[in-house]
């Protein structure tokens, strides 16, 4: 049993109800949902056609009865901007930083006598061979602790 709600060409009801098992949604609830999606431009009204055998076509075909259709056009949600995550210090964020070289030549600076002495001592105590002098344009950052609550 077909119930055709599209009785006239200009009718605004695009639903074609066919015999189906009962479902938990009322036609009023479905119409309300569809109207809400249309109001939010997620669905649009378009004109299509209906062949003699009841098959709907979009776009409308010449010679077929025109009907109003509800159409969905896919859309892309904008990607949210990445937000910078700032981790607040906590007891578990405390960690040690090994002594290391830091380039400073591009800053127009040179290593202090204290940094040169600390590098020489660290180089010797690590048992490294070669010169114990800082490479030109670098300073030495002593081992230290970072993070955590102070």
Foldseek 3Di string as FASTA:
>chain_A
DKDQPQPDLPDPDQDTDDDDPDDPDDPVRVVVVLVVCVVVVQKHKAKWFADPVGDIDPPHDPPGRIDIDIDGDDDDDDDDDDDDDDDAFAQVVKDKDAKDKDFCVVVVDWEDPVQQVQQLVVCVVVVHDDDSGDDPRITIDHMDMDGHDD
